[in-house]
C-alpha cells in the first residue's frame, strides 16, 4: 500500500479522536469509504476535523438498535482521513474517508459539539504502518472461495483488478466492502495480520456460501 503523503506519521497520530459509530460501516487502512453526513452533530464533527487533522474514527456499536443515542461501542475501530468532501445545497456533506490506522479505545472522553470522542491506543496496530506484513497463505484457494461467495450473493467484482492487488490491499478492501454482517466485519477488523485475516475471511465466506445454498434449497 502506498502511503498518502498527507497522512500523519505513526508517531504523530493523535491521542484523542472524534468517532462516528455506525454498524456495518467499516474502513480499513488504504481503503476509501464514502459517507453522506446530515445529522447536525456529525456535521459539527466533520467541520471540526477539517479544521484540525482531518481524522475521524469509524467504530461499530455493539448493537444495531437505533433507539439508543449513545450505544455501547466495540473496542477496536479504524481511523480515516477526510481526503475529499463537498457540501450540498440541502445541507449535507458528502465525503470520502480513507483508512489510516486501526486503534483500540482506551476510554471515552468528553463529548464536543454533540459528537463522541475517545482516547485512542494505536500501538497494537503499528503493523498498519509497516511495509512488511504476512501474505495470504493460499491465495488461489482464497480467490476460489471469494468467487463462489460472490456468485451466490450476486456481488459484482472486477476480477482482473482483484487478481493483481497485493494481499493486504485486497483483504482490507474486502473487509470494508463485502456484504458481511457487522459481527463478521468486526472480527476481521480485530484480526491483526493479513494472513490471519484472510484465513478468517475465507472461513466466513465459506459459511455464508453454505447458508445461501441452504436457503436456496429450502425455497424449492
N, C-alpha and C. Protein backbone atom coordinates (compact mmCIF):
# COMPACT_ATOMS: atom_id res chain seq x y z
N UNK A 1 0.84 -1.19 0.00
CA UNK A 1 0.00 0.00 0.00
C UNK A 1 0.88 1.25 0.00
N UNK A 2 0.70 2.13 -0.96
CA UNK A 2 1.43 3.38 -0.99
C UNK A 2 0.80 4.36 -0.02
N UNK A 3 1.60 4.85 0.92
CA UNK A 3 1.06 5.72 1.96
C UNK A 3 0.84 7.12 1.42
N UNK A 4 -0.33 7.66 1.68
CA UNK A 4 -0.68 9.01 1.28
C UNK A 4 0.25 10.01 1.98
N UNK A 5 0.89 10.91 1.25
CA UNK A 5 1.83 11.85 1.88
C UNK A 5 1.16 12.82 2.85
N UNK A 6 -0.17 12.93 2.78
CA UNK A 6 -0.87 13.81 3.70
C UNK A 6 -1.22 13.11 5.03
N UNK A 7 -1.04 11.80 5.08
CA UNK A 7 -1.32 11.07 6.31
C UNK A 7 -0.28 11.40 7.37
N UNK A 8 -0.67 11.40 8.64
CA UNK A 8 0.32 11.65 9.70
C UNK A 8 1.28 10.47 9.85
N UNK A 9 2.47 10.75 10.36
CA UNK A 9 3.38 9.67 10.74
C UNK A 9 2.76 8.92 11.92
N UNK A 10 3.18 7.67 12.10
CA UNK A 10 2.63 6.87 13.20
C UNK A 10 2.84 7.58 14.53
N UNK A 11 4.02 8.16 14.72
CA UNK A 11 4.33 8.83 15.98
C UNK A 11 3.51 10.11 16.18
N UNK A 12 2.90 10.61 15.10
CA UNK A 12 2.12 11.84 15.18
C UNK A 12 0.61 11.60 15.29
N UNK A 13 0.19 10.34 15.33
CA UNK A 13 -1.25 10.06 15.47
C UNK A 13 -1.75 10.64 16.79
N UNK A 14 -2.90 11.27 16.79
CA UNK A 14 -3.37 11.97 18.00
C UNK A 14 -3.81 11.00 19.10
N UNK A 15 -3.75 11.46 20.32
CA UNK A 15 -4.17 10.63 21.46
C UNK A 15 -5.69 10.61 21.60
N UNK A 16 -6.37 11.63 21.09
CA UNK A 16 -7.83 11.68 21.15
C UNK A 16 -8.38 11.94 19.77
N UNK A 17 -9.47 11.23 19.42
CA UNK A 17 -10.08 11.39 18.11
C UNK A 17 -11.60 11.40 18.24
N UNK A 18 -12.28 12.10 17.33
CA UNK A 18 -13.74 12.00 17.27
C UNK A 18 -14.13 10.67 16.66
N UNK A 19 -15.29 10.16 17.04
CA UNK A 19 -15.72 8.87 16.50
C UNK A 19 -17.10 8.98 15.87
N UNK A 20 -17.30 8.13 14.86
CA UNK A 20 -18.58 8.03 14.16
C UNK A 20 -19.05 6.59 14.31
N UNK A 21 -19.91 6.30 15.30
CA UNK A 21 -20.40 4.93 15.49
C UNK A 21 -21.47 4.59 14.45
N UNK A 22 -21.19 3.55 13.66
CA UNK A 22 -22.12 3.18 12.60
C UNK A 22 -21.96 1.70 12.28
N UNK A 23 -23.01 0.93 12.54
CA UNK A 23 -22.96 -0.52 12.31
C UNK A 23 -22.81 -0.82 10.82
N UNK A 24 -21.89 -1.71 10.48
CA UNK A 24 -21.71 -2.14 9.10
C UNK A 24 -20.84 -1.24 8.26
N UNK A 25 -20.53 -0.04 8.76
CA UNK A 25 -19.68 0.89 8.00
C UNK A 25 -18.26 0.76 8.52
N UNK A 26 -17.41 0.16 7.70
CA UNK A 26 -16.06 -0.18 8.13
C UNK A 26 -15.05 0.44 7.17
N UNK A 27 -14.01 1.03 7.74
CA UNK A 27 -12.89 1.49 6.93
C UNK A 27 -11.66 0.73 7.41
N UNK A 28 -10.76 0.45 6.49
CA UNK A 28 -9.50 -0.21 6.80
C UNK A 28 -8.37 0.57 6.15
N UNK A 29 -7.14 0.41 6.64
CA UNK A 29 -6.02 1.17 6.08
C UNK A 29 -5.94 1.07 4.56
N UNK A 30 -5.88 2.23 3.92
CA UNK A 30 -5.77 2.31 2.46
C UNK A 30 -7.07 2.18 1.71
N UNK A 31 -8.18 1.93 2.43
CA UNK A 31 -9.48 1.73 1.79
C UNK A 31 -10.31 3.00 1.88
N UNK A 32 -11.02 3.31 0.82
CA UNK A 32 -11.87 4.50 0.80
C UNK A 32 -13.31 4.15 1.16
N UNK A 33 -13.91 4.97 2.00
CA UNK A 33 -15.29 4.78 2.42
C UNK A 33 -16.07 6.07 2.15
N UNK A 34 -17.06 6.04 1.25
CA UNK A 34 -17.89 7.24 1.03
C UNK A 34 -18.92 7.38 2.15
N UNK A 35 -19.13 8.60 2.59
CA UNK A 35 -20.10 8.87 3.66
C UNK A 35 -20.96 10.06 3.28
N UNK A 36 -22.21 10.00 3.70
CA UNK A 36 -23.18 11.07 3.47
C UNK A 36 -23.59 11.59 4.85
N UNK A 37 -23.15 12.77 5.21
CA UNK A 37 -23.33 13.29 6.57
C UNK A 37 -24.43 14.35 6.57
N UNK A 38 -25.41 14.16 7.48
CA UNK A 38 -26.51 15.14 7.53
C UNK A 38 -26.92 15.49 8.95
N UNK A 39 -26.64 14.63 9.94
CA UNK A 39 -27.01 14.96 11.32
C UNK A 39 -26.16 16.13 11.81
N UNK A 40 -26.77 17.09 12.51
CA UNK A 40 -26.02 18.28 12.96
C UNK A 40 -24.76 17.96 13.76
N UNK A 41 -24.83 16.98 14.68
CA UNK A 41 -23.65 16.67 15.49
C UNK A 41 -22.51 16.13 14.65
N UNK A 42 -22.84 15.36 13.60
CA UNK A 42 -21.78 14.81 12.77
C UNK A 42 -21.29 15.82 11.74
N UNK A 43 -22.15 16.76 11.37
CA UNK A 43 -21.65 17.89 10.57
C UNK A 43 -20.66 18.70 11.40
N UNK A 44 -20.97 18.90 12.69
CA UNK A 44 -20.02 19.57 13.59
C UNK A 44 -18.69 18.82 13.62
N UNK A 45 -18.77 17.49 13.72
CA UNK A 45 -17.58 16.66 13.77
C UNK A 45 -16.73 16.83 12.51
N UNK A 46 -17.41 16.82 11.34
CA UNK A 46 -16.68 16.95 10.08
C UNK A 46 -15.97 18.29 10.00
N UNK A 47 -16.66 19.35 10.33
CA UNK A 47 -16.04 20.67 10.21
C UNK A 47 -14.93 20.87 11.24
N UNK A 48 -15.10 20.29 12.44
CA UNK A 48 -14.02 20.36 13.43
C UNK A 48 -12.81 19.57 12.96
N UNK A 49 -13.05 18.40 12.35
CA UNK A 49 -11.94 17.58 11.85
C UNK A 49 -11.22 18.29 10.71
N UNK A 50 -11.97 18.94 9.84
CA UNK A 50 -11.35 19.67 8.73
C UNK A 50 -10.52 20.84 9.22
N UNK A 51 -10.88 21.38 10.37
CA UNK A 51 -10.12 22.49 10.95
C UNK A 51 -8.90 22.00 11.72
N UNK A 52 -8.80 20.67 11.90
CA UNK A 52 -7.69 20.11 12.67
C UNK A 52 -6.88 19.16 11.79
N UNK A 53 -6.89 17.87 12.14
CA UNK A 53 -6.02 16.91 11.43
C UNK A 53 -6.75 16.06 10.40
N UNK A 54 -8.04 16.33 10.18
CA UNK A 54 -8.86 15.62 9.18
C UNK A 54 -9.15 14.16 9.57
N UNK A 55 -8.86 13.75 10.79
CA UNK A 55 -9.03 12.35 11.19
C UNK A 55 -10.34 12.11 11.93
N UNK A 56 -10.98 10.99 11.59
CA UNK A 56 -12.21 10.55 12.24
C UNK A 56 -12.09 9.05 12.49
N UNK A 57 -12.54 8.61 13.65
CA UNK A 57 -12.52 7.19 13.96
C UNK A 57 -13.85 6.54 13.64
N UNK A 58 -13.82 5.57 12.73
CA UNK A 58 -15.02 4.77 12.46
C UNK A 58 -15.01 3.59 13.42
N UNK A 59 -16.13 3.38 14.11
CA UNK A 59 -16.22 2.30 15.08
C UNK A 59 -17.65 1.78 15.12
N UNK A 60 -17.81 0.48 15.29
CA UNK A 60 -19.14 -0.10 15.28
C UNK A 60 -19.72 -0.15 16.70
N UNK A 61 -21.01 0.15 16.84
CA UNK A 61 -21.68 -0.10 18.11
C UNK A 61 -21.84 -1.60 18.32
N UNK A 62 -21.99 -2.02 19.56
CA UNK A 62 -22.13 -3.45 19.84
C UNK A 62 -23.51 -3.96 19.48
N UNK A 63 -24.46 -3.05 19.24
CA UNK A 63 -25.81 -3.43 18.84
C UNK A 63 -26.25 -2.54 17.69
N UNK A 64 -27.10 -3.08 16.81
CA UNK A 64 -27.61 -2.29 15.69
C UNK A 64 -28.87 -1.53 16.04
N UNK A 65 -29.31 -1.64 17.29
CA UNK A 65 -30.52 -0.93 17.71
C UNK A 65 -30.32 0.57 17.61
N UNK A 66 -31.23 1.24 16.94
CA UNK A 66 -31.10 2.68 16.72
C UNK A 66 -31.75 3.52 17.82
N UNK A 67 -32.40 2.84 18.79
CA UNK A 67 -33.12 3.58 19.82
C UNK A 67 -32.16 4.27 20.79
N UNK A 68 -30.99 3.66 21.01
CA UNK A 68 -30.03 4.20 21.96
C UNK A 68 -29.17 5.25 21.27
N UNK A 69 -29.21 6.48 21.80
CA UNK A 69 -28.47 7.58 21.19
C UNK A 69 -26.98 7.49 21.50
N UNK A 70 -26.63 6.79 22.58
CA UNK A 70 -25.22 6.61 22.93
C UNK A 70 -24.95 5.13 23.16
N UNK A 71 -24.92 4.34 22.08
CA UNK A 71 -24.76 2.90 22.22
C UNK A 71 -23.38 2.52 22.74
N UNK A 72 -23.31 1.32 23.32
CA UNK A 72 -22.01 0.77 23.69
C UNK A 72 -21.20 0.54 22.42
N UNK A 73 -19.88 0.68 22.55
CA UNK A 73 -19.01 0.59 21.38
C UNK A 73 -18.10 -0.62 21.47
N UNK A 74 -17.76 -1.17 20.30
CA UNK A 74 -16.68 -2.14 20.26
C UNK A 74 -15.38 -1.43 20.63
N UNK A 75 -14.39 -2.21 21.03
CA UNK A 75 -13.14 -1.61 21.50
C UNK A 75 -12.17 -1.30 20.37
N UNK A 76 -12.40 -1.88 19.20
CA UNK A 76 -11.48 -1.69 18.08
C UNK A 76 -12.20 -1.00 16.92
N UNK A 77 -11.56 0.03 16.39
CA UNK A 77 -12.07 0.71 15.21
C UNK A 77 -10.91 1.07 14.29
N UNK A 78 -11.17 1.89 13.31
CA UNK A 78 -10.11 2.33 12.40
C UNK A 78 -10.31 3.81 12.09
N UNK A 79 -9.23 4.56 12.19
CA UNK A 79 -9.28 5.99 11.88
C UNK A 79 -9.08 6.19 10.39
N UNK A 80 -9.81 7.16 9.86
CA UNK A 80 -9.65 7.53 8.47
C UNK A 80 -9.43 9.03 8.33
N UNK A 81 -8.84 9.40 7.23
CA UNK A 81 -8.61 10.82 6.94
C UNK A 81 -9.59 11.27 5.87
N UNK A 82 -10.19 12.43 6.08
CA UNK A 82 -11.07 13.01 5.07
C UNK A 82 -10.19 13.44 3.89
N UNK A 83 -10.33 12.72 2.77
CA UNK A 83 -9.47 13.00 1.62
C UNK A 83 -10.20 13.76 0.51
N UNK A 84 -11.52 13.85 0.61
CA UNK A 84 -12.28 14.73 -0.28
C UNK A 84 -13.65 14.96 0.35
N UNK A 85 -14.22 16.12 0.05
CA UNK A 85 -15.57 16.39 0.55
C UNK A 85 -16.22 17.48 -0.28
N UNK A 86 -17.54 17.48 -0.25
CA UNK A 86 -18.28 18.54 -0.91
C UNK A 86 -19.55 18.83 -0.12
N UNK A 87 -19.97 20.07 -0.16
CA UNK A 87 -21.20 20.49 0.52
C UNK A 87 -22.34 20.52 -0.50
N UNK A 88 -23.51 20.07 -0.06
CA UNK A 88 -24.67 20.06 -0.96
C UNK A 88 -25.60 21.22 -0.61
N UNK A 89 -26.45 21.55 -1.54
CA UNK A 89 -27.37 22.67 -1.33
C UNK A 89 -28.44 22.39 -0.28
N UNK A 90 -28.64 21.11 0.06
CA UNK A 90 -29.64 20.79 1.08
C UNK A 90 -29.02 20.55 2.46
N UNK A 91 -27.79 20.99 2.64
CA UNK A 91 -27.19 20.98 3.98
C UNK A 91 -26.46 19.72 4.37
N UNK A 92 -26.12 18.87 3.40
CA UNK A 92 -25.35 17.66 3.70
C UNK A 92 -23.88 17.86 3.31
N UNK A 93 -23.05 16.97 3.82
CA UNK A 93 -21.66 16.90 3.38
C UNK A 93 -21.43 15.49 2.85
N UNK A 94 -20.97 15.38 1.62
CA UNK A 94 -20.62 14.11 1.01
C UNK A 94 -19.09 14.03 1.00
N UNK A 95 -18.56 12.97 1.61
CA UNK A 95 -17.11 12.91 1.74
C UNK A 95 -16.58 11.51 1.48
N UNK A 96 -15.28 11.45 1.32
CA UNK A 96 -14.56 10.18 1.23
C UNK A 96 -13.58 10.12 2.37
N UNK A 97 -13.68 9.05 3.15
CA UNK A 97 -12.77 8.80 4.25
C UNK A 97 -11.81 7.69 3.82
N UNK A 98 -10.53 7.93 3.93
CA UNK A 98 -9.53 6.93 3.55
C UNK A 98 -8.85 6.40 4.81
N UNK A 99 -8.88 5.08 4.98
CA UNK A 99 -8.38 4.47 6.19
C UNK A 99 -6.90 4.73 6.42
N UNK A 100 -6.55 4.99 7.67
CA UNK A 100 -5.17 5.29 8.05
C UNK A 100 -4.58 4.20 8.95
N UNK A 101 -5.23 3.97 10.11
CA UNK A 101 -4.69 3.01 11.07
C UNK A 101 -5.79 2.59 12.03
N UNK A 102 -5.77 1.32 12.43
CA UNK A 102 -6.71 0.84 13.44
C UNK A 102 -6.29 1.31 14.83
N UNK A 103 -7.23 1.31 15.73
CA UNK A 103 -6.95 1.76 17.10
C UNK A 103 -7.79 0.96 18.09
N UNK A 104 -7.35 0.98 19.33
CA UNK A 104 -8.12 0.42 20.43
C UNK A 104 -8.56 1.55 21.33
N UNK A 105 -9.81 1.51 21.76
CA UNK A 105 -10.33 2.56 22.64
C UNK A 105 -9.79 2.35 24.05
N UNK A 106 -9.04 3.32 24.53
CA UNK A 106 -8.58 3.26 25.92
C UNK A 106 -9.70 3.69 26.87
N UNK A 107 -10.37 4.76 26.51
CA UNK A 107 -11.53 5.22 27.27
C UNK A 107 -12.23 6.30 26.47
N UNK A 108 -13.48 6.53 26.81
CA UNK A 108 -14.22 7.61 26.17
C UNK A 108 -13.98 8.90 26.94
N UNK A 109 -13.87 10.01 26.22
CA UNK A 109 -13.64 11.31 26.84
C UNK A 109 -14.86 12.20 26.59
N UNK A 110 -14.80 13.41 27.07
CA UNK A 110 -15.95 14.31 26.99
C UNK A 110 -16.36 14.58 25.54
N UNK A 111 -17.67 14.64 25.32
CA UNK A 111 -18.17 15.00 24.00
C UNK A 111 -17.76 16.41 23.62
N UNK A 112 -17.80 16.67 22.32
CA UNK A 112 -17.53 18.02 21.83
C UNK A 112 -18.55 18.34 20.75
N UNK A 113 -19.27 19.41 20.91
CA UNK A 113 -20.26 19.84 19.92
C UNK A 113 -21.25 18.73 19.55
N UNK A 114 -21.55 17.88 20.54
CA UNK A 114 -22.57 16.86 20.34
C UNK A 114 -22.07 15.50 19.90
N UNK A 115 -20.81 15.38 19.47
CA UNK A 115 -20.30 14.10 19.00
C UNK A 115 -19.34 13.50 20.03
N UNK A 116 -19.20 12.18 19.95
CA UNK A 116 -18.40 11.45 20.93
C UNK A 116 -16.92 11.41 20.53
N UNK A 117 -16.08 11.30 21.55
CA UNK A 117 -14.64 11.27 21.35
C UNK A 117 -14.03 10.20 22.25
N UNK A 118 -12.90 9.64 21.81
CA UNK A 118 -12.23 8.62 22.62
C UNK A 118 -10.73 8.89 22.66
N UNK A 119 -10.12 8.32 23.68
CA UNK A 119 -8.66 8.26 23.73
C UNK A 119 -8.25 6.99 23.00
N UNK A 120 -7.42 7.13 22.01
CA UNK A 120 -7.07 6.01 21.13
C UNK A 120 -5.67 5.48 21.43
N UNK A 121 -5.57 4.17 21.51
CA UNK A 121 -4.28 3.49 21.65
C UNK A 121 -3.96 2.83 20.31
N UNK A 122 -2.88 3.27 19.69
CA UNK A 122 -2.51 2.83 18.34
C UNK A 122 -1.48 1.70 18.33
N UNK A 123 -0.80 1.47 19.45
CA UNK A 123 0.40 0.63 19.45
C UNK A 123 0.16 -0.78 18.91
N UNK A 124 -0.95 -1.39 19.27
CA UNK A 124 -1.22 -2.76 18.83
C UNK A 124 -1.26 -2.86 17.31
N UNK A 125 -1.60 -1.76 16.65
CA UNK A 125 -1.80 -1.80 15.20
C UNK A 125 -0.72 -1.04 14.44
N UNK A 126 0.46 -0.99 15.02
CA UNK A 126 1.60 -0.38 14.31
C UNK A 126 1.86 -1.09 12.99
N UNK A 127 1.43 -2.34 12.89
CA UNK A 127 1.60 -3.11 11.65
C UNK A 127 0.94 -2.42 10.46
N UNK A 128 -0.09 -1.61 10.73
CA UNK A 128 -0.78 -0.91 9.64
C UNK A 128 0.13 0.11 8.96
N UNK A 129 1.21 0.50 9.64
CA UNK A 129 2.16 1.46 9.08
C UNK A 129 3.41 0.78 8.51
N UNK A 130 3.51 -0.53 8.69
CA UNK A 130 4.70 -1.24 8.24
C UNK A 130 4.52 -1.75 6.82
N UNK A 131 5.61 -1.68 6.04
CA UNK A 131 5.56 -2.16 4.66
C UNK A 131 5.49 -3.68 4.61
N UNK A 132 6.15 -4.35 5.56
CA UNK A 132 6.18 -5.80 5.58
C UNK A 132 5.02 -6.35 6.40
N UNK A 133 4.30 -7.28 5.83
CA UNK A 133 3.20 -7.95 6.52
C UNK A 133 3.13 -9.37 5.97
N UNK A 134 2.45 -10.25 6.68
CA UNK A 134 2.29 -11.60 6.19
C UNK A 134 1.40 -11.61 4.95
N UNK A 135 1.38 -12.72 4.25
CA UNK A 135 0.64 -12.82 3.00
C UNK A 135 -0.45 -13.87 3.11
N UNK A 136 -1.35 -13.86 2.14
CA UNK A 136 -2.38 -14.89 2.06
C UNK A 136 -1.69 -16.22 1.77
N UNK A 137 -1.86 -17.19 2.64
CA UNK A 137 -1.12 -18.45 2.52
C UNK A 137 -1.52 -19.24 1.27
N UNK A 138 -2.80 -19.27 0.98
CA UNK A 138 -3.29 -19.99 -0.20
C UNK A 138 -4.15 -19.03 -1.01
N UNK A 139 -3.49 -18.17 -1.76
CA UNK A 139 -4.22 -17.13 -2.49
C UNK A 139 -5.18 -17.73 -3.52
N UNK A 140 -4.77 -18.80 -4.20
CA UNK A 140 -5.64 -19.43 -5.19
C UNK A 140 -6.91 -19.94 -4.52
N UNK A 141 -6.78 -20.62 -3.37
CA UNK A 141 -7.95 -21.11 -2.66
C UNK A 141 -8.80 -19.98 -2.12
N UNK A 142 -8.13 -18.91 -1.67
CA UNK A 142 -8.85 -17.74 -1.17
C UNK A 142 -9.72 -17.12 -2.27
N UNK A 143 -9.14 -16.93 -3.44
CA UNK A 143 -9.88 -16.34 -4.56
C UNK A 143 -11.01 -17.26 -5.02
N UNK A 144 -10.79 -18.55 -4.94
CA UNK A 144 -11.85 -19.50 -5.30
C UNK A 144 -13.03 -19.37 -4.36
N UNK A 145 -12.75 -19.25 -3.05
CA UNK A 145 -13.82 -19.06 -2.06
C UNK A 145 -14.54 -17.73 -2.31
N UNK A 146 -13.77 -16.71 -2.63
CA UNK A 146 -14.35 -15.40 -2.89
C UNK A 146 -15.27 -15.44 -4.10
N UNK A 147 -14.84 -16.10 -5.17
CA UNK A 147 -15.65 -16.18 -6.38
C UNK A 147 -16.94 -16.96 -6.12
N UNK A 148 -16.85 -18.05 -5.35
CA UNK A 148 -18.04 -18.81 -5.01
C UNK A 148 -19.04 -17.99 -4.22
N UNK A 149 -18.53 -17.24 -3.23
CA UNK A 149 -19.39 -16.38 -2.41
C UNK A 149 -20.05 -15.30 -3.27
N UNK A 150 -19.27 -14.63 -4.11
CA UNK A 150 -19.79 -13.53 -4.92
C UNK A 150 -20.83 -14.02 -5.93
N UNK A 151 -20.62 -15.22 -6.47
CA UNK A 151 -21.59 -15.79 -7.41
C UNK A 151 -22.92 -16.05 -6.71
N UNK A 152 -22.87 -16.66 -5.53
CA UNK A 152 -24.10 -16.96 -4.79
C UNK A 152 -24.82 -15.71 -4.31
N UNK A 153 -24.05 -14.70 -3.93
CA UNK A 153 -24.65 -13.48 -3.40
C UNK A 153 -24.92 -12.42 -4.45
N UNK A 154 -24.53 -12.67 -5.69
CA UNK A 154 -24.75 -11.69 -6.76
C UNK A 154 -23.91 -10.45 -6.63
N UNK A 155 -22.71 -10.60 -6.09
CA UNK A 155 -21.80 -9.47 -5.91
C UNK A 155 -20.92 -9.33 -7.14
N UNK A 156 -20.93 -8.16 -7.76
CA UNK A 156 -20.11 -7.93 -8.95
C UNK A 156 -18.71 -7.48 -8.53
N UNK A 157 -17.70 -8.14 -9.08
CA UNK A 157 -16.31 -7.87 -8.71
C UNK A 157 -15.47 -7.75 -9.98
N UNK A 158 -14.60 -6.74 -10.08
CA UNK A 158 -13.68 -6.64 -11.23
C UNK A 158 -12.52 -7.60 -11.02
N UNK A 159 -12.67 -8.85 -11.50
CA UNK A 159 -11.72 -9.90 -11.15
C UNK A 159 -10.31 -9.63 -11.66
N UNK A 160 -10.17 -9.00 -12.80
CA UNK A 160 -8.83 -8.70 -13.29
C UNK A 160 -8.08 -7.79 -12.33
N UNK A 161 -8.78 -6.81 -11.77
CA UNK A 161 -8.16 -5.92 -10.79
C UNK A 161 -7.86 -6.66 -9.50
N UNK A 162 -8.82 -7.48 -9.06
CA UNK A 162 -8.65 -8.23 -7.81
C UNK A 162 -7.42 -9.13 -7.87
N UNK A 163 -7.25 -9.82 -8.98
CA UNK A 163 -6.16 -10.78 -9.09
C UNK A 163 -4.79 -10.11 -9.10
N UNK A 164 -4.74 -8.81 -9.39
CA UNK A 164 -3.46 -8.10 -9.42
C UNK A 164 -3.19 -7.33 -8.12
N UNK A 165 -4.16 -7.27 -7.21
CA UNK A 165 -3.98 -6.49 -5.99
C UNK A 165 -3.05 -7.19 -5.01
N UNK A 166 -2.20 -6.44 -4.30
CA UNK A 166 -1.40 -7.02 -3.23
C UNK A 166 -2.30 -7.60 -2.13
N UNK A 167 -1.78 -8.59 -1.41
CA UNK A 167 -2.59 -9.32 -0.44
C UNK A 167 -3.23 -8.42 0.61
N UNK A 168 -2.46 -7.54 1.20
CA UNK A 168 -3.01 -6.70 2.26
C UNK A 168 -4.07 -5.75 1.72
N UNK A 169 -3.82 -5.13 0.58
CA UNK A 169 -4.80 -4.22 -0.01
C UNK A 169 -6.10 -4.96 -0.31
N UNK A 170 -5.96 -6.19 -0.81
CA UNK A 170 -7.14 -6.98 -1.17
C UNK A 170 -7.97 -7.33 0.05
N UNK A 171 -7.34 -7.86 1.08
CA UNK A 171 -8.09 -8.25 2.28
C UNK A 171 -8.72 -7.03 2.95
N UNK A 172 -8.00 -5.92 3.00
CA UNK A 172 -8.57 -4.71 3.61
C UNK A 172 -9.78 -4.20 2.83
N UNK A 173 -9.67 -4.22 1.50
CA UNK A 173 -10.78 -3.77 0.67
C UNK A 173 -12.01 -4.65 0.87
N UNK A 174 -11.81 -5.96 0.91
CA UNK A 174 -12.93 -6.88 1.08
C UNK A 174 -13.56 -6.74 2.46
N UNK A 175 -12.74 -6.50 3.48
CA UNK A 175 -13.28 -6.28 4.83
C UNK A 175 -14.30 -5.15 4.83
N UNK A 176 -13.96 -4.09 4.12
CA UNK A 176 -14.80 -2.90 4.13
C UNK A 176 -16.03 -3.02 3.24
N UNK A 177 -15.90 -3.72 2.11
CA UNK A 177 -16.95 -3.60 1.10
C UNK A 177 -17.75 -4.86 0.79
N UNK A 178 -17.35 -6.02 1.28
CA UNK A 178 -18.21 -7.19 1.09
C UNK A 178 -19.44 -7.09 1.99
N UNK A 179 -20.58 -7.61 1.55
CA UNK A 179 -21.81 -7.51 2.36
C UNK A 179 -21.84 -8.56 3.48
N UNK A 180 -20.85 -8.49 4.36
CA UNK A 180 -20.79 -9.36 5.52
C UNK A 180 -21.54 -8.71 6.68
N UNK A 181 -21.87 -9.49 7.68
CA UNK A 181 -22.58 -8.96 8.85
C UNK A 181 -21.65 -8.04 9.64
N UNK A 182 -22.22 -7.10 10.40
CA UNK A 182 -21.38 -6.25 11.26
C UNK A 182 -20.49 -7.06 12.19
N UNK A 183 -21.00 -8.18 12.71
CA UNK A 183 -20.20 -9.02 13.61
C UNK A 183 -19.00 -9.61 12.88
N UNK A 184 -19.22 -10.07 11.64
CA UNK A 184 -18.12 -10.62 10.86
C UNK A 184 -17.10 -9.53 10.53
N UNK A 185 -17.57 -8.37 10.16
CA UNK A 185 -16.66 -7.26 9.86
C UNK A 185 -15.83 -6.90 11.08
N UNK A 186 -16.46 -6.91 12.25
CA UNK A 186 -15.73 -6.58 13.47
C UNK A 186 -14.65 -7.59 13.76
N UNK A 187 -14.95 -8.87 13.58
CA UNK A 187 -13.95 -9.90 13.79
C UNK A 187 -12.75 -9.71 12.85
N UNK A 188 -13.03 -9.31 11.63
CA UNK A 188 -11.95 -9.09 10.66
C UNK A 188 -11.12 -7.87 11.03
N UNK A 189 -11.77 -6.80 11.46
CA UNK A 189 -11.04 -5.60 11.87
C UNK A 189 -10.07 -5.92 12.99
N UNK A 190 -10.51 -6.76 13.92
CA UNK A 190 -9.72 -7.04 15.10
C UNK A 190 -8.59 -8.03 14.85
N UNK A 191 -8.58 -8.69 13.69
CA UNK A 191 -7.54 -9.67 13.37
C UNK A 191 -6.31 -8.94 12.85
N UNK A 192 -5.18 -9.18 13.50
CA UNK A 192 -4.02 -8.32 13.31
C UNK A 192 -3.37 -8.44 11.94
N UNK A 193 -2.96 -9.64 11.54
CA UNK A 193 -2.13 -9.79 10.34
C UNK A 193 -2.98 -10.12 9.11
N UNK A 194 -2.40 -9.87 7.95
CA UNK A 194 -3.09 -10.16 6.70
C UNK A 194 -3.38 -11.64 6.54
N UNK A 195 -2.42 -12.49 6.87
CA UNK A 195 -2.63 -13.94 6.69
C UNK A 195 -3.75 -14.45 7.57
N UNK A 196 -3.78 -14.01 8.83
CA UNK A 196 -4.84 -14.45 9.74
C UNK A 196 -6.20 -13.88 9.32
N UNK A 197 -6.19 -12.63 8.85
CA UNK A 197 -7.43 -12.00 8.43
C UNK A 197 -7.99 -12.69 7.18
N UNK A 198 -7.10 -13.05 6.26
CA UNK A 198 -7.53 -13.75 5.04
C UNK A 198 -8.07 -15.14 5.38
N UNK A 199 -7.42 -15.83 6.32
CA UNK A 199 -7.89 -17.16 6.71
C UNK A 199 -9.27 -17.07 7.35
N UNK A 200 -9.46 -16.08 8.23
CA UNK A 200 -10.77 -15.89 8.86
C UNK A 200 -11.81 -15.53 7.80
N UNK A 201 -11.46 -14.64 6.89
CA UNK A 201 -12.41 -14.24 5.85
C UNK A 201 -12.80 -15.42 4.98
N UNK A 202 -11.84 -16.26 4.63
CA UNK A 202 -12.15 -17.42 3.80
C UNK A 202 -13.14 -18.34 4.52
N UNK A 203 -12.96 -18.51 5.83
CA UNK A 203 -13.92 -19.30 6.58
C UNK A 203 -15.29 -18.67 6.62
N UNK A 204 -15.35 -17.36 6.80
CA UNK A 204 -16.63 -16.66 6.83
C UNK A 204 -17.33 -16.73 5.47
N UNK A 205 -16.56 -16.61 4.39
CA UNK A 205 -17.15 -16.70 3.06
C UNK A 205 -17.71 -18.10 2.81
N UNK A 206 -16.99 -19.10 3.28
CA UNK A 206 -17.46 -20.47 3.12
C UNK A 206 -18.76 -20.71 3.87
N UNK A 207 -18.83 -20.23 5.11
CA UNK A 207 -20.05 -20.40 5.90
C UNK A 207 -21.22 -19.64 5.29
N UNK A 208 -20.95 -18.43 4.78
CA UNK A 208 -22.01 -17.64 4.14
C UNK A 208 -22.50 -18.32 2.87
N UNK A 209 -21.59 -18.93 2.12
CA UNK A 209 -21.98 -19.62 0.89
C UNK A 209 -22.85 -20.83 1.20
N UNK A 210 -22.48 -21.59 2.25
CA UNK A 210 -23.28 -22.74 2.65
C UNK A 210 -24.67 -22.30 3.09
N UNK A 211 -24.72 -21.21 3.87
CA UNK A 211 -26.01 -20.69 4.33
C UNK A 211 -26.88 -20.26 3.15
N UNK A 212 -26.27 -19.64 2.14
CA UNK A 212 -27.02 -19.21 0.96
C UNK A 212 -27.57 -20.41 0.20
N UNK A 213 -26.78 -21.48 0.10
CA UNK A 213 -27.25 -22.68 -0.59
C UNK A 213 -28.38 -23.36 0.17
N UNK A 214 -28.29 -23.36 1.51
CA UNK A 214 -29.35 -23.95 2.33
C UNK A 214 -30.67 -23.21 2.13
N UNK A 215 -30.58 -21.87 2.10
CA UNK A 215 -31.77 -21.05 1.89
C UNK A 215 -32.39 -21.35 0.52
N UNK A 216 -31.52 -21.46 -0.50
CA UNK A 216 -31.99 -21.72 -1.86
C UNK A 216 -32.68 -23.08 -1.94
N UNK A 217 -32.13 -24.09 -1.24
CA UNK A 217 -32.73 -25.42 -1.26
C UNK A 217 -34.09 -25.43 -0.58
N UNK A 218 -34.23 -24.66 0.50
CA UNK A 218 -35.50 -24.62 1.22
C UNK A 218 -36.60 -23.94 0.42
N UNK A 219 -36.19 -23.15 -0.56
CA UNK A 219 -37.19 -22.45 -1.38
C UNK A 219 -37.76 -23.36 -2.45
N UNK A 220 -37.14 -24.51 -2.68
CA UNK A 220 -37.59 -25.42 -3.76
C UNK A 220 -38.28 -26.63 -3.16
